[in-house]
Amino acid sequence: MIYKRGRFYSVKFKFQGKLIRHSTRALSPEVARVIEAKIRSELALGNWDILKPKPSTLTLREREAQAARFRILRKNREELQANRRFKNDK
């Protein structure tokens, strides 16, 4: 069964006694039906990965480490560009 939840369509059905609810992120009912069929066929094939949640967002520590790596890369790029300009000026 598909139903509209906010802007997007969602699917709801039972599979092997478990209630499956999943957003299709589709804006039209036709596309939502195709996605529902795909989910059902993947489950029938044993692919439960299709229902796994997306990876969680980064923790504060991970974001800080990512920002530090970005700053280092940007600094290295700026130094490289400055060196190239200096060599071209000679």
Protein backbone atom coordinates (compact mmCIF):
# COMPACT_ATOMS: atom_id res chain seq x y z
CA MET A 1 0.00 0.00 0.00
CA ILE A 2 1.28 3.46 -0.80
CA TYR A 3 0.20 6.60 0.98
CA LYS A 4 1.21 10.23 0.96
CA ARG A 5 3.07 11.53 3.97
CA GLY A 6 3.84 15.22 3.62
CA ARG A 7 5.37 15.80 0.19
CA PHE A 8 6.49 12.22 -0.41
CA TYR A 9 4.82 8.86 -0.82
CA SER A 10 5.57 6.03 1.58
CA VAL A 11 4.96 2.29 1.42
CA LYS A 12 3.47 0.09 4.10
CA PHE A 13 3.13 -3.68 3.91
CA LYS A 14 3.79 -6.85 5.86
CA PHE A 15 6.64 -9.14 4.89
CA GLN A 16 7.20 -12.41 6.77
CA GLY A 17 5.13 -11.12 9.66
CA LYS A 18 7.06 -7.86 9.96
CA LEU A 19 5.50 -4.50 9.24
CA ILE A 20 7.56 -2.62 6.67
CA ARG A 21 7.19 1.15 6.45
CA HIS A 22 9.54 2.99 4.15
CA SER A 23 9.61 6.41 2.52
CA THR A 24 9.99 6.22 -1.23
CA ARG A 25 10.89 9.91 -1.55
CA ALA A 26 8.76 9.87 -4.68
CA LEU A 27 6.50 12.76 -5.58
CA SER A 28 4.12 10.76 -7.77
CA PRO A 29 2.11 7.63 -6.95
CA GLU A 30 3.27 5.87 -10.13
CA VAL A 31 6.92 6.14 -9.16
CA ALA A 32 6.08 5.13 -5.59
CA ARG A 33 4.43 1.92 -6.87
CA VAL A 34 7.55 1.07 -8.87
CA ILE A 35 9.72 1.65 -5.80
CA GLU A 36 7.36 -0.48 -3.68
CA ALA A 37 7.68 -3.32 -6.19
CA LYS A 38 11.47 -2.99 -6.10
CA ILE A 39 11.52 -3.11 -2.29
CA ARG A 40 9.27 -6.18 -2.24
CA SER A 41 11.39 -7.99 -4.83
CA GLU A 42 14.64 -7.17 -3.00
CA LEU A 43 13.16 -8.48 0.27
CA ALA A 44 11.98 -11.65 -1.47
CA LEU A 45 15.55 -12.18 -2.71
CA GLY A 46 16.82 -11.82 0.86
CA ASN A 47 18.39 -8.39 0.50
CA TRP A 48 17.56 -6.78 3.85
CA ASP A 49 20.18 -4.06 3.23
CA ILE A 50 17.60 -2.08 1.32
CA LEU A 51 15.91 -1.22 4.64
CA LYS A 52 19.06 -0.30 6.58
CA PRO A 53 19.07 3.28 7.82
CA LYS A 54 21.44 5.78 6.32
CA PRO A 55 24.73 6.32 8.14
CA SER A 56 24.40 8.69 11.03
CA THR A 57 25.79 12.17 10.84
CA LEU A 58 29.34 12.83 11.93
CA THR A 59 30.12 13.43 15.56
CA LEU A 60 31.60 16.73 16.63
CA ARG A 61 35.06 15.19 16.93
CA GLU A 62 34.82 13.72 13.41
CA ARG A 63 33.67 17.07 12.00
CA GLU A 64 36.56 18.87 13.69
CA ALA A 65 39.05 16.34 12.28
CA GLN A 66 37.54 16.74 8.82
CA ALA A 67 37.76 20.53 9.08
CA ALA A 68 41.40 20.32 10.19
CA ARG A 69 42.25 18.11 7.20
CA PHE A 70 40.49 20.57 4.92
CA ARG A 71 42.43 23.51 6.38
CA ILE A 72 45.74 21.65 5.87
CA LEU A 73 44.85 20.79 2.29
CA ARG A 74 43.81 24.37 1.56
CA LYS A 75 47.04 25.72 3.11
CA ASN A 76 49.15 23.27 1.07
CA ARG A 77 47.31 24.27 -2.11
CA GLU A 78 47.84 27.97 -1.42
CA GLU A 79 51.56 27.40 -0.75
CA LEU A 80 51.90 25.41 -3.95
CA GLN A 81 50.21 28.16 -5.96
CA ALA A 82 52.45 30.79 -4.34
CA ASN A 83 55.56 28.75 -5.19
CA ARG A 84 54.42 28.44 -8.79
CA ARG A 85 53.87 32.20 -9.02
CA PHE A 86 57.30 32.82 -7.48
CA LYS A 87 59.00 30.50 -9.99
CA ASN A 88 57.17 32.12 -12.90
CA ASP A 89 58.29 35.60 -11.75
CA LYS A 90 61.99 34.69 -11.89
